[in-house]
Every structure is written in structure tokens, then in C-alpha cells.
PDB file of N, CA and C in Angstrom:
ATOM      1  N   MET A   1     282.679 328.302 145.539  1.00  0.00           N
ATOM      2  CA  MET A   1     283.098 329.185 146.586  1.00  0.00           C
ATOM      3  C   MET A   1     283.024 330.610 146.061  1.00  0.00           C
ATOM      4  N   ALA A   2     282.551 331.498 146.864  1.00  0.00           N
ATOM      5  CA  ALA A   2     282.468 332.903 146.467  1.00  0.00           C
ATOM      6  C   ALA A   2     283.865 333.509 146.448  1.00  0.00           C
ATOM      7  N   ARG A   3     284.047 334.535 145.636  1.00  0.00           N
ATOM      8  CA  ARG A   3     285.359 335.182 145.538  1.00  0.00           C
ATOM      9  C   ARG A   3     285.815 335.776 146.853  1.00  0.00           C
ATOM     10  N   ASP A   4     284.876 336.185 147.676  1.00  0.00           N
ATOM     11  CA  ASP A   4     285.256 336.779 148.959  1.00  0.00           C
ATOM     12  C   ASP A   4     285.495 335.722 150.034  1.00  0.00           C
ATOM     13  N   GLY A   5     285.502 334.439 149.630  1.00  0.00           N
ATOM     14  CA  GLY A   5     285.752 333.368 150.589  1.00  0.00           C
ATOM     15  C   GLY A   5     284.505 332.910 151.310  1.00  0.00           C
ATOM     16  N   GLY A   6     283.352 333.508 151.023  1.00  0.00           N
ATOM     17  CA  GLY A   6     282.109 333.145 151.691  1.00  0.00           C
ATOM     18  C   GLY A   6     281.480 331.912 151.060  1.00  0.00           C
ATOM     19  N   PHE A   7     280.327 331.559 151.578  1.00  0.00           N
ATOM     20  CA  PHE A   7     279.606 330.384 151.137  1.00  0.00           C
ATOM     21  C   PHE A   7     278.747 330.725 149.921  1.00  0.00           C
ATOM     22  N   THR A   8     278.775 329.841 148.893  1.00  0.00           N
ATOM     23  CA  THR A   8     277.905 329.972 147.731  1.00  0.00           C
ATOM     24  C   THR A   8     276.991 328.759 147.700  1.00  0.00           C
ATOM     25  N   PRO A   9     275.685 328.952 147.885  1.00  0.00           N
ATOM     26  CA  PRO A   9     274.759 327.819 147.887  1.00  0.00           C
ATOM     27  C   PRO A   9     274.853 327.042 146.559  1.00  0.00           C
ATOM     28  N   GLY A  10     274.859 325.720 146.664  1.00  0.00           N
ATOM     29  CA  GLY A  10     274.851 324.865 145.480  1.00  0.00           C
ATOM     30  C   GLY A  10     276.219 324.612 144.873  1.00  0.00           C
ATOM     31  N   TYR A  11     277.247 325.270 145.360  1.00  0.00           N
ATOM     32  CA  TYR A  11     278.573 325.128 144.764  1.00  0.00           C
ATOM     33  C   TYR A  11     279.073 323.687 144.843  1.00  0.00           C
ATOM     34  N   ALA A  12     278.986 323.101 146.017  1.00  0.00           N
ATOM     35  CA  ALA A  12     279.491 321.741 146.187  1.00  0.00           C
ATOM     36  C   ALA A  12     278.693 320.750 145.350  1.00  0.00           C
ATOM     37  N   SER A  13     277.373 320.918 145.286  1.00  0.00           N
ATOM     38  CA  SER A  13     276.568 319.964 144.532  1.00  0.00           C
ATOM     39  C   SER A  13     276.827 320.098 143.032  1.00  0.00           C
ATOM     40  N   VAL A  14     277.074 321.304 142.548  1.00  0.00           N
ATOM     41  CA  VAL A  14     277.404 321.491 141.132  1.00  0.00           C
ATOM     42  C   VAL A  14     278.719 320.795 140.820  1.00  0.00           C
ATOM     43  N   ASN A  15     279.704 320.952 141.681  1.00  0.00           N
ATOM     44  CA  ASN A  15     280.990 320.295 141.465  1.00  0.00           C
ATOM     45  C   ASN A  15     280.875 318.781 141.555  1.00  0.00           C
ATOM     46  N   ALA A  16     280.053 318.298 142.464  1.00  0.00           N
ATOM     47  CA  ALA A  16     279.873 316.851 142.589  1.00  0.00           C
ATOM     48  C   ALA A  16     279.276 316.281 141.310  1.00  0.00           C
ATOM     49  N   ARG A  17     278.313 316.973 140.738  1.00  0.00           N
ATOM     50  CA  ARG A  17     277.731 316.514 139.469  1.00  0.00           C
ATOM     51  C   ARG A  17     278.786 316.513 138.372  1.00  0.00           C
ATOM     52  N   ALA A  18     279.609 317.540 138.314  1.00  0.00           N
ATOM     53  CA  ALA A  18     280.665 317.612 137.303  1.00  0.00           C
ATOM     54  C   ALA A  18     281.659 316.475 137.488  1.00  0.00           C
ATOM     55  N   ARG A  19     282.022 316.191 138.722  1.00  0.00           N
ATOM     56  CA  ARG A  19     282.941 315.079 138.977  1.00  0.00           C
ATOM     57  C   ARG A  19     282.308 313.759 138.564  1.00  0.00           C
ATOM     58  N   GLY A  20     281.024 313.601 138.805  1.00  0.00           N
ATOM     59  CA  GLY A  20     280.325 312.384 138.401  1.00  0.00           C
ATOM     60  C   GLY A  20     280.314 312.217 136.891  1.00  0.00           C
ATOM     61  N   ARG A  21     280.036 313.295 136.173  1.00  0.00           N
ATOM     62  CA  ARG A  21     280.068 313.242 134.699  1.00  0.00           C
ATOM     63  C   ARG A  21     281.466 312.897 134.219  1.00  0.00           C
ATOM     64  N   PHE A  22     282.475 313.529 134.798  1.00  0.00           N
ATOM     65  CA  PHE A  22     283.856 313.256 134.406  1.00  0.00           C
ATOM     66  C   PHE A  22     284.193 311.787 134.634  1.00  0.00           C
ATOM     67  N   THR A  23     283.825 311.256 135.790  1.00  0.00           N
ATOM     68  CA  THR A  23     284.136 309.874 136.124  1.00  0.00           C
ATOM     69  C   THR A  23     283.459 308.916 135.162  1.00  0.00           C
ATOM     70  N   ARG A  24     282.171 309.129 134.885  1.00  0.00           N
ATOM     71  CA  ARG A  24     281.467 308.259 133.941  1.00  0.00           C
ATOM     72  C   ARG A  24     282.093 308.358 132.562  1.00  0.00           C
ATOM     73  N   ASN A  25     282.391 309.562 132.101  1.00  0.00           N
ATOM     74  CA  ASN A  25     282.983 309.738 130.778  1.00  0.00           C
ATOM     75  C   ASN A  25     284.355 309.075 130.714  1.00  0.00           C
ATOM     76  N   PHE A  26     285.124 309.180 131.792  1.00  0.00           N
ATOM     77  CA  PHE A  26     286.447 308.571 131.850  1.00  0.00           C
ATOM     78  C   PHE A  26     286.348 307.060 131.642  1.00  0.00           C
ATOM     79  N   VAL A  27     285.389 306.432 132.309  1.00  0.00           N
ATOM     80  CA  VAL A  27     285.206 304.987 132.175  1.00  0.00           C
ATOM     81  C   VAL A  27     284.767 304.634 130.757  1.00  0.00           C
ATOM     82  N   VAL A  28     283.837 305.376 130.208  1.00  0.00           N
ATOM     83  CA  VAL A  28     283.359 305.101 128.854  1.00  0.00           C
ATOM     84  C   VAL A  28     284.483 305.281 127.843  1.00  0.00           C
ATOM     85  N   GLN A  29     285.204 306.392 127.917  1.00  0.00           N
ATOM     86  CA  GLN A  29     286.295 306.646 126.969  1.00  0.00           C
ATOM     87  C   GLN A  29     287.403 305.606 127.115  1.00  0.00           C
ATOM     88  N   GLY A  30     287.735 305.250 128.346  1.00  0.00           N
ATOM     89  CA  GLY A  30     288.766 304.235 128.570  1.00  0.00           C
ATOM     90  C   GLY A  30     288.352 302.885 128.025  1.00  0.00           C
ATOM     91  N   SER A  31     287.102 302.513 128.232  1.00  0.00           N
ATOM     92  CA  SER A  31     286.598 301.241 127.714  1.00  0.00           C
ATOM     93  C   SER A  31     286.596 301.248 126.189  1.00  0.00           C
ATOM     94  N   ALA A  32     286.223 302.360 125.603  1.00  0.00           N
ATOM     95  CA  ALA A  32     286.226 302.475 124.137  1.00  0.00           C
ATOM     96  C   ALA A  32     287.643 302.353 123.596  1.00  0.00           C
ATOM     97  N   ALA A  33     288.598 302.945 124.269  1.00  0.00           N
ATOM     98  CA  ALA A  33     289.992 302.851 123.828  1.00  0.00           C
ATOM     99  C   ALA A  33     290.494 301.415 123.916  1.00  0.00           C
ATOM    100  N   ASP A  34     290.146 300.723 125.000  1.00  0.00           N
ATOM    101  CA  ASP A  34     290.531 299.313 125.133  1.00  0.00           C
ATOM    102  C   ASP A  34     289.926 298.495 123.995  1.00  0.00           C
ATOM    103  N   TRP A  35     288.643 298.711 123.736  1.00  0.00           N
ATOM    104  CA  TRP A  35     287.963 297.980 122.670  1.00  0.00           C
ATOM    105  C   TRP A  35     288.618 298.270 121.321  1.00  0.00           C
ATOM    106  N   ALA A  36     288.936 299.523 121.046  1.00  0.00           N
ATOM    107  CA  ALA A  36     289.529 299.901 119.759  1.00  0.00           C
ATOM    108  C   ALA A  36     290.891 299.236 119.574  1.00  0.00           C
ATOM    109  N   LEU A  37     291.677 299.188 120.628  1.00  0.00           N
ATOM    110  CA  LEU A  37     292.983 298.534 120.536  1.00  0.00           C
ATOM    111  C   LEU A  37     292.826 297.049 120.221  1.00  0.00           C
ATOM    112  N   LEU A  38     291.901 296.389 120.920  1.00  0.00           N
ATOM    113  CA  LEU A  38     291.651 294.973 120.662  1.00  0.00           C
ATOM    114  C   LEU A  38     291.110 294.745 119.256  1.00  0.00           C
ATOM    115  N   MET A  39     290.237 295.625 118.792  1.00  0.00           N
ATOM    116  CA  MET A  39     289.656 295.485 117.461  1.00  0.00           C
ATOM    117  C   MET A  39     290.719 295.629 116.381  1.00  0.00           C
ATOM    118  N   THR A  40     291.572 296.641 116.495  1.00  0.00           N
ATOM    119  CA  THR A  40     292.596 296.832 115.457  1.00  0.00           C
ATOM    120  C   THR A  40     293.608 295.678 115.482  1.00  0.00           C
ATOM    121  N   ALA A  41     293.951 295.175 116.666  1.00  0.00           N
ATOM    122  CA  ALA A  41     294.860 294.032 116.736  1.00  0.00           C
ATOM    123  C   ALA A  41     294.235 292.797 116.090  1.00  0.00           C
ATOM    124  N   ALA A  42     292.964 292.542 116.389  1.00  0.00           N
ATOM    125  CA  ALA A  42     292.265 291.390 115.798  1.00  0.00           C
ATOM    126  C   ALA A  42     292.159 291.544 114.290  1.00  0.00           C
ATOM    127  N   LEU A  43     291.898 292.748 113.830  1.00  0.00           N
ATOM    128  CA  LEU A  43     291.777 292.985 112.388  1.00  0.00           C
ATOM    129  C   LEU A  43     293.110 292.752 111.688  1.00  0.00           C
ATOM    130  N   ARG A  44     294.178 293.308 112.223  1.00  0.00           N
ATOM    131  CA  ARG A  44     295.503 293.098 111.615  1.00  0.00           C
ATOM    132  C   ARG A  44     295.836 291.600 111.559  1.00  0.00           C
ATOM    133  N   GLN A  45     295.574 290.897 112.657  1.00  0.00           N
ATOM    134  CA  GLN A  45     295.879 289.473 112.714  1.00  0.00           C
ATOM    135  C   GLN A  45     295.053 288.694 111.704  1.00  0.00           C
ATOM    136  N   SER A  46     293.778 289.009 111.607  1.00  0.00           N
ATOM    137  CA  SER A  46     292.917 288.266 110.693  1.00  0.00           C
ATOM    138  C   SER A  46     293.251 288.552 109.226  1.00  0.00           C
ATOM    139  N   LEU A  47     293.603 289.780 108.909  1.00  0.00           N
ATOM    140  CA  LEU A  47     293.994 290.096 107.525  1.00  0.00           C
ATOM    141  C   LEU A  47     295.264 289.334 107.156  1.00  0.00           C
ATOM    142  N   ARG A  48     296.217 289.307 108.072  1.00  0.00           N
ATOM    143  CA  ARG A  48     297.478 288.604 107.822  1.00  0.00           C
ATOM    144  C   ARG A  48     297.237 287.101 107.693  1.00  0.00           C
ATOM    145  N   ALA A  49     296.435 286.529 108.615  1.00  0.00           N
ATOM    146  CA  ALA A  49     296.180 285.092 108.608  1.00  0.00           C
ATOM    147  C   ALA A  49     295.460 284.650 107.339  1.00  0.00           C
ATOM    148  N   ALA A  50     294.622 285.521 106.796  1.00  0.00           N
ATOM    149  CA  ALA A  50     293.877 285.196 105.578  1.00  0.00           C
ATOM    150  C   ALA A  50     294.728 285.379 104.320  1.00  0.00           C
ATOM    151  N   GLY A  51     295.930 285.913 104.496  1.00  0.00           N
ATOM    152  CA  GLY A  51     296.803 286.126 103.341  1.00  0.00           C
ATOM    153  C   GLY A  51     296.346 287.264 102.441  1.00  0.00           C
ATOM    154  N   LEU A  52     295.548 288.165 103.007  1.00  0.00           N
ATOM    155  CA  LEU A  52     295.058 289.295 102.215  1.00  0.00           C
ATOM    156  C   LEU A  52     296.140 290.370 102.094  1.00  0.00           C
ATOM    157  N   ARG A  53     296.075 291.118 101.022  1.00  0.00           N
ATOM    158  CA  ARG A  53     297.023 292.218 100.827  1.00  0.00           C
ATOM    159  C   ARG A  53     296.525 293.506 101.476  1.00  0.00           C
ATOM    160  N   ALA A  54     295.375 293.462 102.079  1.00  0.00           N
ATOM    161  CA  ALA A  54     294.757 294.635 102.704  1.00  0.00           C
ATOM    162  C   ALA A  54     295.659 295.208 103.795  1.00  0.00           C
ATOM    163  N   GLU A  55     295.595 296.535 103.928  1.00  0.00           N
ATOM    164  CA  GLU A  55     296.379 297.228 104.944  1.00  0.00           C
ATOM    165  C   GLU A  55     295.485 298.174 105.724  1.00  0.00           C
ATOM    166  N   LEU A  56     295.571 298.107 107.046  1.00  0.00           N
ATOM    167  CA  LEU A  56     294.872 299.050 107.912  1.00  0.00           C
ATOM    168  C   LEU A  56     295.636 300.368 107.812  1.00  0.00           C
ATOM    169  N   VAL A  57     294.961 301.413 107.321  1.00  0.00           N
ATOM    170  CA  VAL A  57     295.668 302.679 107.114  1.00  0.00           C
ATOM    171  C   VAL A  57     295.215 303.795 108.051  1.00  0.00           C
ATOM    172  N   PHE A  58     294.062 303.631 108.695  1.00  0.00           N
ATOM    173  CA  PHE A  58     293.574 304.712 109.543  1.00  0.00           C
ATOM    174  C   PHE A  58     292.542 304.179 110.517  1.00  0.00           C
ATOM    175  N   PHE A  59     292.645 304.604 111.758  1.00  0.00           N
ATOM    176  CA  PHE A  59     291.597 304.334 112.736  1.00  0.00           C
ATOM    177  C   PHE A  59     291.524 305.532 113.659  1.00  0.00           C
ATOM    178  N   GLN A  60     290.327 306.089 113.803  1.00  0.00           N
ATOM    179  CA  GLN A  60     290.110 307.198 114.728  1.00  0.00           C
ATOM    180  C   GLN A  60     288.672 307.146 115.203  1.00  0.00           C
ATOM    181  N   HIS A  61     288.499 307.143 116.506  1.00  0.00           N
ATOM    182  CA  HIS A  61     287.195 307.141 117.156  1.00  0.00           C
ATOM    183  C   HIS A  61     286.333 305.987 116.678  1.00  0.00           C
ATOM    184  N   ASP A  62     285.544 306.205 115.645  1.00  0.00           N
ATOM    185  CA  ASP A  62     284.633 305.160 115.180  1.00  0.00           C
ATOM    186  C   ASP A  62     284.790 304.896 113.687  1.00  0.00           C
ATOM    187  N   GLU A  63     285.955 305.212 113.145  1.00  0.00           N
ATOM    188  CA  GLU A  63     286.191 304.978 111.724  1.00  0.00           C
ATOM    189  C   GLU A  63     287.454 304.161 111.536  1.00  0.00           C
ATOM    190  N   VAL A  64     287.361 303.183 110.668  1.00  0.00           N
ATOM    191  CA  VAL A  64     288.526 302.395 110.284  1.00  0.00           C
ATOM    192  C   VAL A  64     288.586 302.415 108.762  1.00  0.00           C
ATOM    193  N   ILE A  65     289.775 302.678 108.235  1.00  0.00           N
ATOM    194  CA  ILE A  65     289.968 302.667 106.783  1.00  0.00           C
ATOM    195  C   ILE A  65     290.995 301.592 106.467  1.00  0.00           C
ATOM    196  N   VAL A  66     290.598 300.706 105.576  1.00  0.00           N
ATOM    197  CA  VAL A  66     291.464 299.624 105.135  1.00  0.00           C
ATOM    198  C   VAL A  66     291.610 299.754 103.627  1.00  0.00           C
ATOM    199  N   HIS A  67     292.842 299.757 103.170  1.00  0.00           N
ATOM    200  CA  HIS A  67     293.127 299.831 101.739  1.00  0.00           C
ATOM    201  C   HIS A  67     293.365 298.408 101.248  1.00  0.00           C
ATOM    202  N   CYS A  68     292.651 298.026 100.172  1.00  0.00           N
ATOM    203  CA  CYS A  68     292.803 296.666  99.661  1.00  0.00           C
ATOM    204  C   CYS A  68     292.438 296.621  98.183  1.00  0.00           C
ATOM    205  N   PRO A  69     292.871 295.565  97.508  1.00  0.00           N
ATOM    206  CA  PRO A  69     292.421 295.358  96.138  1.00  0.00           C
ATOM    207  C   PRO A  69     290.906 295.126  96.123  1.00  0.00           C
ATOM    208  N   ALA A  70     290.262 295.519  95.047  1.00  0.00           N
ATOM    209  CA  ALA A  70     288.803 295.409  94.938  1.00  0.00           C
ATOM    210  C   ALA A  70     288.313 293.989  95.204  1.00  0.00           C
ATOM    211  N   GLU A  71     289.052 292.994  94.752  1.00  0.00           N
ATOM    212  CA  GLU A  71     288.599 291.610  94.920  1.00  0.00           C
ATOM    213  C   GLU A  71     288.639 291.143  96.381  1.00  0.00           C
ATOM    214  N   GLU A  72     289.299 291.889  97.249  1.00  0.00           N
ATOM    215  CA  GLU A  72     289.347 291.537  98.671  1.00  0.00           C
ATOM    216  C   GLU A  72     288.311 292.293  99.507  1.00  0.00           C
ATOM    217  N   ALA A  73     287.589 293.216  98.896  1.00  0.00           N
ATOM    218  CA  ALA A  73     286.724 294.134  99.653  1.00  0.00           C
ATOM    219  C   ALA A  73     285.704 293.423 100.540  1.00  0.00           C
ATOM    220  N   GLU A  74     285.008 292.442 100.024  1.00  0.00           N
ATOM    221  CA  GLU A  74     283.993 291.752 100.837  1.00  0.00           C
ATOM    222  C   GLU A  74     284.625 290.975 101.981  1.00  0.00           C
ATOM    223  N   ALA A  75     285.753 290.337 101.732  1.00  0.00           N
ATOM    224  CA  ALA A  75     286.442 289.603 102.800  1.00  0.00           C
ATOM    225  C   ALA A  75     286.932 290.562 103.877  1.00  0.00           C
ATOM    226  N   VAL A  76     287.392 291.745 103.481  1.00  0.00           N
ATOM    227  CA  VAL A  76     287.857 292.740 104.444  1.00  0.00           C
ATOM    228  C   VAL A  76     286.682 293.268 105.267  1.00  0.00           C
ATOM    229  N   ALA A  77     285.558 293.540 104.612  1.00  0.00           N
ATOM    230  CA  ALA A  77     284.374 294.018 105.341  1.00  0.00           C
ATOM    231  C   ALA A  77     283.945 292.999 106.388  1.00  0.00           C
ATOM    232  N   GLU A  78     283.972 291.727 106.041  1.00  0.00           N
ATOM    233  CA  GLU A  78     283.619 290.682 107.007  1.00  0.00           C
ATOM    234  C   GLU A  78     284.662 290.600 108.117  1.00  0.00           C
ATOM    235  N   ALA A  79     285.928 290.770 107.786  1.00  0.00           N
ATOM    236  CA  ALA A  79     286.987 290.749 108.800  1.00  0.00           C
ATOM    237  C   ALA A  79     286.810 291.891 109.798  1.00  0.00           C
ATOM    238  N   ILE A  80     286.365 293.041 109.327  1.00  0.00           N
ATOM    239  CA  ILE A  80     286.118 294.186 110.208  1.00  0.00           C
ATOM    240  C   ILE A  80     284.991 293.859 111.182  1.00  0.00           C
ATOM    241  N   ARG A  81     283.902 293.326 110.661  1.00  0.00           N
ATOM    242  CA  ARG A  81     282.777 292.957 111.530  1.00  0.00           C
ATOM    243  C   ARG A  81     283.207 291.904 112.562  1.00  0.00           C
ATOM    244  N   ALA A  82     283.934 290.897 112.115  1.00  0.00           N
ATOM    245  CA  ALA A  82     284.377 289.829 113.019  1.00  0.00           C
ATOM    246  C   ALA A  82     285.343 290.362 114.079  1.00  0.00           C
ATOM    247  N   ALA A  83     286.223 291.274 113.697  1.00  0.00           N
ATOM    248  CA  ALA A  83     287.175 291.858 114.650  1.00  0.00           C
ATOM    249  C   ALA A  83     286.439 292.667 115.715  1.00  0.00           C
ATOM    250  N   GLY A  84     285.406 293.393 115.316  1.00  0.00           N
ATOM    251  CA  GLY A  84     284.600 294.144 116.279  1.00  0.00           C
ATOM    252  C   GLY A  84     283.904 293.231 117.266  1.00  0.00           C
ATOM    253  N   ASP A  85     283.349 292.134 116.774  1.00  0.00           N
ATOM    254  CA  ASP A  85     282.689 291.156 117.654  1.00  0.00           C
ATOM    255  C   ASP A  85     283.686 290.525 118.619  1.00  0.00           C
ATOM    256  N   LEU A  86     284.852 290.119 118.094  1.00  0.00           N
ATOM    257  CA  LEU A  86     285.869 289.500 118.944  1.00  0.00           C
ATOM    258  C   LEU A  86     286.363 290.475 120.009  1.00  0.00           C
ATOM    259  N   ALA A  87     286.593 291.713 119.630  1.00  0.00           N
ATOM    260  CA  ALA A  87     287.052 292.719 120.599  1.00  0.00           C
ATOM    261  C   ALA A  87     286.015 292.926 121.695  1.00  0.00           C
ATOM    262  N   GLY A  88     284.752 292.964 121.332  1.00  0.00           N
ATOM    263  CA  GLY A  88     283.690 293.120 122.322  1.00  0.00           C
ATOM    264  C   GLY A  88     283.655 291.965 123.303  1.00  0.00           C
ATOM    265  N   ARG A  89     283.766 290.741 122.796  1.00  0.00           N
ATOM    266  CA  ARG A  89     283.759 289.563 123.684  1.00  0.00           C
ATOM    267  C   ARG A  89     285.009 289.527 124.561  1.00  0.00           C
ATOM    268  N   THR A  90     286.148 289.913 123.989  1.00  0.00           N
ATOM    269  CA  THR A  90     287.402 289.895 124.752  1.00  0.00           C
ATOM    270  C   THR A  90     287.371 290.925 125.871  1.00  0.00           C
ATOM    271  N   ALA A  91     286.908 292.120 125.558  1.00  0.00           N
ATOM    272  CA  ALA A  91     286.916 293.206 126.543  1.00  0.00           C
ATOM    273  C   ALA A  91     285.785 293.096 127.562  1.00  0.00           C
ATOM    274  N   PHE A  92     284.625 292.643 127.132  1.00  0.00           N
ATOM    275  CA  PHE A  92     283.449 292.729 127.990  1.00  0.00           C
ATOM    276  C   PHE A  92     282.765 291.397 128.262  1.00  0.00           C
ATOM    277  N   GLY A  93     283.291 290.308 127.718  1.00  0.00           N
ATOM    278  CA  GLY A  93     282.684 288.997 127.927  1.00  0.00           C
ATOM    279  C   GLY A  93     281.388 288.865 127.140  1.00  0.00           C
ATOM    280  N   GLN A  94     280.591 287.881 127.535  1.00  0.00           N
ATOM    281  CA  GLN A  94     279.305 287.666 126.876  1.00  0.00           C
ATOM    282  C   GLN A  94     278.341 288.760 127.338  1.00  0.00           C
ATOM    283  N   THR A  95     277.905 289.567 126.422  1.00  0.00           N
ATOM    284  CA  THR A  95     277.008 290.678 126.729  1.00  0.00           C
ATOM    285  C   THR A  95     276.053 290.882 125.560  1.00  0.00           C
ATOM    286  N   PRO A  96     274.858 291.358 125.834  1.00  0.00           N
ATOM    287  CA  PRO A  96     273.938 291.638 124.730  1.00  0.00           C
ATOM    288  C   PRO A  96     274.338 292.894 123.949  1.00  0.00           C
ATOM    289  N   VAL A  97     275.292 293.650 124.471  1.00  0.00           N
ATOM    290  CA  VAL A  97     275.746 294.862 123.775  1.00  0.00           C
ATOM    291  C   VAL A  97     276.502 294.449 122.523  1.00  0.00           C
ATOM    292  N   ARG A  98     276.205 295.086 121.406  1.00  0.00           N
ATOM    293  CA  ARG A  98     276.867 294.784 120.144  1.00  0.00           C
ATOM    294  C   ARG A  98     277.702 295.986 119.723  1.00  0.00           C
ATOM    295  N   PHE A  99     278.706 295.732 118.917  1.00  0.00           N
ATOM    296  CA  PHE A  99     279.625 296.754 118.445  1.00  0.00           C
ATOM    297  C   PHE A  99     279.621 296.730 116.921  1.00  0.00           C
ATOM    298  N   PRO A 100     278.527 297.163 116.324  1.00  0.00           N
ATOM    299  CA  PRO A 100     278.379 297.019 114.872  1.00  0.00           C
ATOM    300  C   PRO A 100     279.208 298.033 114.086  1.00  0.00           C
ATOM    301  N   PHE A 101     279.573 297.643 112.908  1.00  0.00           N
ATOM    302  CA  PHE A 101     280.221 298.533 111.942  1.00  0.00           C
ATOM    303  C   PHE A 101     279.321 298.652 110.733  1.00  0.00           C
ATOM    304  N   THR A 102     279.236 299.830 110.195  1.00  0.00           N
ATOM    305  CA  THR A 102     278.644 300.023 108.887  1.00  0.00           C
ATOM    306  C   THR A 102     279.813 300.113 107.928  1.00  0.00           C
ATOM    307  N   THR A 103     279.849 299.270 106.947  1.00  0.00           N
ATOM    308  CA  THR A 103     280.976 299.291 106.025  1.00  0.00           C
ATOM    309  C   THR A 103     280.570 299.910 104.700  1.00  0.00           C
ATOM    310  N   ALA A 104     281.522 300.547 104.082  1.00  0.00           N
ATOM    311  CA  ALA A 104     281.320 301.121 102.752  1.00  0.00           C
ATOM    312  C   ALA A 104     282.527 300.746 101.915  1.00  0.00           C
ATOM    313  N   VAL A 105     282.286 300.160 100.777  1.00  0.00           N
ATOM    314  CA  VAL A 105     283.359 299.819  99.859  1.00  0.00           C
ATOM    315  C   VAL A 105     283.366 300.895  98.783  1.00  0.00           C
ATOM    316  N   VAL A 106     284.462 301.642  98.735  1.00  0.00           N
ATOM    317  CA  VAL A 106     284.576 302.765  97.801  1.00  0.00           C
ATOM    318  C   VAL A 106     285.942 302.735  97.124  1.00  0.00           C
ATOM    319  N   GLU A 107     286.042 303.433  96.009  1.00  0.00           N
ATOM    320  CA  GLU A 107     287.328 303.524  95.318  1.00  0.00           C
ATOM    321  C   GLU A 107     288.141 304.714  95.772  1.00  0.00           C
ATOM    322  N   CYS A 108     287.481 305.670  96.437  1.00  0.00           N
ATOM    323  CA  CYS A 108     288.144 306.889  96.874  1.00  0.00           C
ATOM    324  C   CYS A 108     287.757 307.138  98.337  1.00  0.00           C
ATOM    325  N   TYR A 109     288.737 307.405  99.182  1.00  0.00           N
ATOM    326  CA  TYR A 109     288.453 307.629 100.613  1.00  0.00           C
ATOM    327  C   TYR A 109     287.404 308.717 100.824  1.00  0.00           C
ATOM    328  N   ALA A 110     287.399 309.731  99.977  1.00  0.00           N
ATOM    329  CA  ALA A 110     286.454 310.836 100.135  1.00  0.00           C
ATOM    330  C   ALA A 110     285.006 310.387  99.946  1.00  0.00           C
ATOM    331  N   ASP A 111     284.796 309.256  99.283  1.00  0.00           N
ATOM    332  CA  ASP A 111     283.445 308.770  99.042  1.00  0.00           C
ATOM    333  C   ASP A 111     282.889 307.929 100.191  1.00  0.00           C
ATOM    334  N   ALA A 112     283.727 307.572 101.152  1.00  0.00           N
ATOM    335  CA  ALA A 112     283.277 306.747 102.274  1.00  0.00           C
ATOM    336  C   ALA A 112     282.399 307.572 103.194  1.00  0.00           C
ATOM    337  N   LYS A 113     281.268 307.011 103.589  1.00  0.00           N
ATOM    338  CA  LYS A 113     280.348 307.730 104.480  1.00  0.00           C
ATOM    339  C   LYS A 113     279.850 306.803 105.545  1.00  0.00           C
TER     340      LYS A 113
END
């Protein structure tokens, strides 16, 4: 809308596109949040069930940090992958979409990439 209250060509269509982007992003972000919650719950449960001493210490966006003894590292990496798969199936059913994790086993958090 023009400042003087008059008509501005394209104003409504620009806003409609913005609303469409917002709506799509809202669904994507909401779905990602649901998946992340399911993944962290599955990971905590699987670590506990396996009797591992590993602890989930950080999760943000697409990063999960688990602190564990060196001898548990491979089992924890597999638990992370399995939790991601389970969360995907729980949230979205059988789908060809995959939710892969790249894991890095490091001695210092700063070395994880």
C-alpha cells in the first residue's frame, strides 16, 4: 500500500509470496523440531538401555554432542544413526527421505567437524 493510501501495483502479490514462504518455512521448521525431539528421546533411551555411560550434552539444529568413554564411541555413533532413522520413521512413516548423520569421534569438542 502506498503511504498516501493509494494503490501500489504488485503489493498484494509480493505479500502473498512472502506469506507463502513463511508458511512453507513454518512447516519445515516445525517438522524438523518434531524430528529432533523424537531423535533425542530415542537416543537417550537407547543409550540407557544399552547400559552405556554416554551422556547427551548438546543438541542444536543439526548437531548432537555426546560425551562418552573412548571404548563406547562406536556404539554411540551407531546409536545416533539408529535414533535418527527411528525418529524419521516415527514422524514421517515409511518414506524414501533419509535423515543421515555424519559422526566424528574426537577427544576435544573443538575438533568435531
